[in-house]
Amino acid sequence: TNTEEVLERLSLNLSEAKQVDSLVFLTKLLKNYADNAALTYANEAYQLAFENYWKTARAVSAYYLAVLKGENVSYGESIEDALVDARISQRLFGQLDNPTWKAKANSLLGYLYNRQSKQDSAKVYLFQTLEDLKNPNIKPQ
């Protein structure tokens, strides 16, 4: 498939760091149009980042994995996998002291808990997002 060809070309022509950057870029580009390919790229980026102990790349790829998995489940069912990835992303961004991405991860957790019909948990993360947005270091994206 085209996805496999892209992965092969990236692995043959780029360093692992550049592969991760490219895979995250492709994930972001395709997430609204070709979610299976985006999920494959995000997963590959996460694996490379995990193997190389790259926290930022791991956090970003886990965020996109959660977004994609959260969009591909039936309403209220089987969302646990997306929540696991979102929690990983939120925890890593907290360790990295990245307030912009941490706010995005908190917002995603609120969204996912809402999809799971756990409104109390959703409110906790959405209110945390509102608190996060008060941080003067938040950068618009």
C-alpha atoms as a PDB file:
ATOM      1  CA  THR A   1       0.000   0.000   0.000  1.00  0.00           C
ATOM      2  CA  ASN A   2       1.017   3.636  -0.217  1.00  0.00           C
ATOM      3  CA  THR A   3       1.420   3.843   3.558  1.00  0.00           C
ATOM      4  CA  GLU A   4       3.898   0.966   3.573  1.00  0.00           C
ATOM      5  CA  GLU A   5       5.828   2.542   0.702  1.00  0.00           C
ATOM      6  CA  VAL A   6       6.067   5.851   2.552  1.00  0.00           C
ATOM      7  CA  LEU A   7       7.305   4.111   5.702  1.00  0.00           C
ATOM      8  CA  GLU A   8       9.904   2.206   3.700  1.00  0.00           C
ATOM      9  CA  ARG A   9      11.149   5.340   1.917  1.00  0.00           C
ATOM     10  CA  LEU A  10      11.403   7.246   5.172  1.00  0.00           C
ATOM     11  CA  SER A  11      13.356   4.452   6.845  1.00  0.00           C
ATOM     12  CA  LEU A  12      15.784   4.185   3.930  1.00  0.00           C
ATOM     13  CA  ASN A  13      16.417   7.887   3.431  1.00  0.00           C
ATOM     14  CA  LEU A  14      16.160   9.642   6.792  1.00  0.00           C
ATOM     15  CA  SER A  15      17.651   9.471  10.260  1.00  0.00           C
ATOM     16  CA  GLU A  16      15.282   8.263  12.964  1.00  0.00           C
ATOM     17  CA  ALA A  17      14.826  11.810  14.282  1.00  0.00           C
ATOM     18  CA  LYS A  18      13.831  13.075  10.835  1.00  0.00           C
ATOM     19  CA  GLN A  19      11.597  10.043  10.357  1.00  0.00           C
ATOM     20  CA  VAL A  20       9.699  10.922  13.530  1.00  0.00           C
ATOM     21  CA  ASP A  21       9.342  14.559  12.458  1.00  0.00           C
ATOM     22  CA  SER A  22       8.074  13.478   9.043  1.00  0.00           C
ATOM     23  CA  LEU A  23       5.687  10.911  10.501  1.00  0.00           C
ATOM     24  CA  VAL A  24       4.187  13.442  12.918  1.00  0.00           C
ATOM     25  CA  PHE A  25       3.837  15.940  10.063  1.00  0.00           C
ATOM     26  CA  LEU A  26       2.079  13.339   7.894  1.00  0.00           C
ATOM     27  CA  THR A  27      -0.172  12.383  10.803  1.00  0.00           C
ATOM     28  CA  LYS A  28      -1.224  15.981  11.351  1.00  0.00           C
ATOM     29  CA  LEU A  29      -1.739  16.501   7.622  1.00  0.00           C
ATOM     30  CA  LEU A  30      -3.839  13.358   7.094  1.00  0.00           C
ATOM     31  CA  LYS A  31      -5.767  13.072  10.376  1.00  0.00           C
ATOM     32  CA  ASN A  32      -8.970  14.523   8.890  1.00  0.00           C
ATOM     33  CA  TYR A  33      -8.752  12.811   5.506  1.00  0.00           C
ATOM     34  CA  ALA A  34      -7.041   9.428   5.727  1.00  0.00           C
ATOM     35  CA  ASP A  35      -7.342   8.351   9.324  1.00  0.00           C
ATOM     36  CA  ASN A  36      -6.000   4.811   8.815  1.00  0.00           C
ATOM     37  CA  ALA A  37      -2.799   6.135   7.252  1.00  0.00           C
ATOM     38  CA  ALA A  38      -2.541   8.845   9.921  1.00  0.00           C
ATOM     39  CA  LEU A  39      -2.966   6.231  12.649  1.00  0.00           C
ATOM     40  CA  THR A  40      -0.214   4.109  11.115  1.00  0.00           C
ATOM     41  CA  TYR A  41       2.148   7.092  10.910  1.00  0.00           C
ATOM     42  CA  ALA A  42       1.366   8.219  14.472  1.00  0.00           C
ATOM     43  CA  ASN A  43       1.969   4.720  15.791  1.00  0.00           C
ATOM     44  CA  GLU A  44       5.279   4.432  13.955  1.00  0.00           C
ATOM     45  CA  ALA A  45       6.354   7.856  15.258  1.00  0.00           C
ATOM     46  CA  TYR A  46       5.413   6.823  18.796  1.00  0.00           C
ATOM     47  CA  GLN A  47       7.417   3.584  18.547  1.00  0.00           C
ATOM     48  CA  LEU A  48      10.528   5.364  17.256  1.00  0.00           C
ATOM     49  CA  ALA A  49      10.230   8.075  19.911  1.00  0.00           C
ATOM     50  CA  PHE A  50       9.749   5.471  22.631  1.00  0.00           C
ATOM     51  CA  GLU A  51      12.767   3.450  21.509  1.00  0.00           C
ATOM     52  CA  ASN A  52      14.952   6.582  21.448  1.00  0.00           C
ATOM     53  CA  TYR A  53      13.651   8.124  24.693  1.00  0.00           C
ATOM     54  CA  TRP A  54      12.420  11.279  22.940  1.00  0.00           C
ATOM     55  CA  LYS A  55       9.784  12.638  25.315  1.00  0.00           C
ATOM     56  CA  THR A  56       8.457  15.468  23.167  1.00  0.00           C
ATOM     57  CA  ALA A  57       8.022  13.333  20.060  1.00  0.00           C
ATOM     58  CA  ARG A  58       6.477  10.582  22.157  1.00  0.00           C
ATOM     59  CA  ALA A  59       4.039  13.029  23.757  1.00  0.00           C
ATOM     60  CA  VAL A  60       2.997  14.554  20.417  1.00  0.00           C
ATOM     61  CA  SER A  61       2.552  11.190  18.718  1.00  0.00           C
ATOM     62  CA  ALA A  62       0.578   9.845  21.709  1.00  0.00           C
ATOM     63  CA  TYR A  63      -1.659  12.929  21.452  1.00  0.00           C
ATOM     64  CA  TYR A  64      -2.401  12.216  17.791  1.00  0.00           C
ATOM     65  CA  LEU A  65      -2.933   8.515  18.505  1.00  0.00           C
ATOM     66  CA  ALA A  66      -5.544   9.495  21.100  1.00  0.00           C
ATOM     67  CA  VAL A  67      -7.225  11.930  18.704  1.00  0.00           C
ATOM     68  CA  LEU A  68      -7.427   9.347  15.942  1.00  0.00           C
ATOM     69  CA  LYS A  69      -8.516   6.475  18.171  1.00  0.00           C
ATOM     70  CA  GLY A  70     -11.087   8.702  19.859  1.00  0.00           C
ATOM     71  CA  GLU A  71     -12.634   9.611  16.521  1.00  0.00           C
ATOM     72  CA  ASN A  72     -12.768   6.008  15.326  1.00  0.00           C
ATOM     73  CA  VAL A  73     -14.855   4.455  18.104  1.00  0.00           C
ATOM     74  CA  SER A  74     -18.571   4.097  18.491  1.00  0.00           C
ATOM     75  CA  TYR A  75     -20.021   6.738  20.785  1.00  0.00           C
ATOM     76  CA  GLY A  76     -19.316   5.790  24.407  1.00  0.00           C
ATOM     77  CA  GLU A  77     -17.732   2.427  23.615  1.00  0.00           C
ATOM     78  CA  SER A  78     -14.141   1.173  23.431  1.00  0.00           C
ATOM     79  CA  ILE A  79     -12.551   4.525  24.097  1.00  0.00           C
ATOM     80  CA  GLU A  80     -10.150   3.255  26.759  1.00  0.00           C
ATOM     81  CA  ASP A  81      -7.261   2.900  24.306  1.00  0.00           C
ATOM     82  CA  ALA A  82      -7.609   6.545  23.289  1.00  0.00           C
ATOM     83  CA  LEU A  83      -7.738   7.577  26.952  1.00  0.00           C
ATOM     84  CA  VAL A  84      -4.514   5.683  27.690  1.00  0.00           C
ATOM     85  CA  ASP A  85      -2.705   7.531  24.895  1.00  0.00           C
ATOM     86  CA  ALA A  86      -4.170  10.880  25.983  1.00  0.00           C
ATOM     87  CA  ARG A  87      -3.037  10.289  29.582  1.00  0.00           C
ATOM     88  CA  ILE A  88       0.475   9.416  28.377  1.00  0.00           C
ATOM     89  CA  SER A  89       0.564  12.610  26.323  1.00  0.00           C
ATOM     90  CA  GLN A  90      -0.736  14.764  29.189  1.00  0.00           C
ATOM     91  CA  ARG A  91       1.743  13.281  31.670  1.00  0.00           C
ATOM     92  CA  LEU A  92       4.713  13.756  29.323  1.00  0.00           C
ATOM     93  CA  PHE A  93       3.777  17.339  28.467  1.00  0.00           C
ATOM     94  CA  GLY A  94       3.490  18.036  32.200  1.00  0.00           C
ATOM     95  CA  GLN A  95       7.022  16.699  32.694  1.00  0.00           C
ATOM     96  CA  LEU A  96       8.283  18.748  29.768  1.00  0.00           C
ATOM     97  CA  ASP A  97       6.682  21.901  31.142  1.00  0.00           C
ATOM     98  CA  ASN A  98       4.965  22.617  27.843  1.00  0.00           C
ATOM     99  CA  PRO A  99       1.806  24.527  28.807  1.00  0.00           C
ATOM    100  CA  THR A 100       0.394  24.795  25.287  1.00  0.00           C
ATOM    101  CA  TRP A 101       0.473  21.080  24.573  1.00  0.00           C
ATOM    102  CA  LYS A 102      -0.531  20.223  28.139  1.00  0.00           C
ATOM    103  CA  ALA A 103      -3.680  22.337  27.679  1.00  0.00           C
ATOM    104  CA  LYS A 104      -4.391  20.533  24.405  1.00  0.00           C
ATOM    105  CA  ALA A 105      -3.951  17.153  26.108  1.00  0.00           C
ATOM    106  CA  ASN A 106      -6.236  18.163  28.990  1.00  0.00           C
ATOM    107  CA  SER A 107      -8.860  19.337  26.523  1.00  0.00           C
ATOM    108  CA  LEU A 108      -8.580  16.044  24.648  1.00  0.00           C
ATOM    109  CA  LEU A 109      -9.009  14.078  27.884  1.00  0.00           C
ATOM    110  CA  GLY A 110     -12.151  16.094  28.639  1.00  0.00           C
ATOM    111  CA  TYR A 111     -13.488  15.380  25.159  1.00  0.00           C
ATOM    112  CA  LEU A 112     -12.744  11.659  25.415  1.00  0.00           C
ATOM    113  CA  TYR A 113     -14.341  11.328  28.851  1.00  0.00           C
ATOM    114  CA  ASN A 114     -17.389  13.128  27.486  1.00  0.00           C
ATOM    115  CA  ARG A 115     -17.553  10.639  24.602  1.00  0.00           C
ATOM    116  CA  GLN A 116     -17.431   7.898  27.211  1.00  0.00           C
ATOM    117  CA  SER A 117     -20.393   9.562  28.996  1.00  0.00           C
ATOM    118  CA  LYS A 118     -18.284  10.293  32.086  1.00  0.00           C
ATOM    119  CA  GLN A 119     -19.262  13.926  32.466  1.00  0.00           C
ATOM    120  CA  ASP A 120     -17.729  14.376  35.944  1.00  0.00           C
ATOM    121  CA  SER A 121     -14.308  13.347  34.660  1.00  0.00           C
ATOM    122  CA  ALA A 122     -14.805  15.405  31.510  1.00  0.00           C
ATOM    123  CA  LYS A 123     -15.528  18.504  33.595  1.00  0.00           C
ATOM    124  CA  VAL A 124     -12.363  18.030  35.648  1.00  0.00           C
ATOM    125  CA  TYR A 125     -10.163  18.067  32.532  1.00  0.00           C
ATOM    126  CA  LEU A 126     -12.085  20.803  30.763  1.00  0.00           C
ATOM    127  CA  PHE A 127     -11.874  23.052  33.835  1.00  0.00           C
ATOM    128  CA  GLN A 128      -8.157  22.218  34.030  1.00  0.00           C
ATOM    129  CA  THR A 129      -7.859  23.326  30.408  1.00  0.00           C
ATOM    130  CA  LEU A 130      -9.463  26.653  31.311  1.00  0.00           C
ATOM    131  CA  GLU A 131      -6.932  27.041  34.124  1.00  0.00           C
ATOM    132  CA  ASP A 132      -4.100  26.081  31.773  1.00  0.00           C
ATOM    133  CA  LEU A 133      -5.190  28.783  29.326  1.00  0.00           C
ATOM    134  CA  LYS A 134      -4.555  31.454  31.967  1.00  0.00           C
ATOM    135  CA  ASN A 135      -0.830  30.706  31.664  1.00  0.00           C
ATOM    136  CA  PRO A 136       0.870  33.644  29.896  1.00  0.00           C
ATOM    137  CA  ASN A 137       3.251  31.197  28.170  1.00  0.00           C
ATOM    138  CA  ILE A 138       0.449  29.559  26.152  1.00  0.00           C
ATOM    139  CA  LYS A 139       1.110  29.977  22.453  1.00  0.00           C
ATOM    140  CA  PRO A 140      -1.734  30.053  19.929  1.00  0.00           C
ATOM    141  CA  GLN A 141      -1.570  27.227  17.419  1.00  0.00           C
END
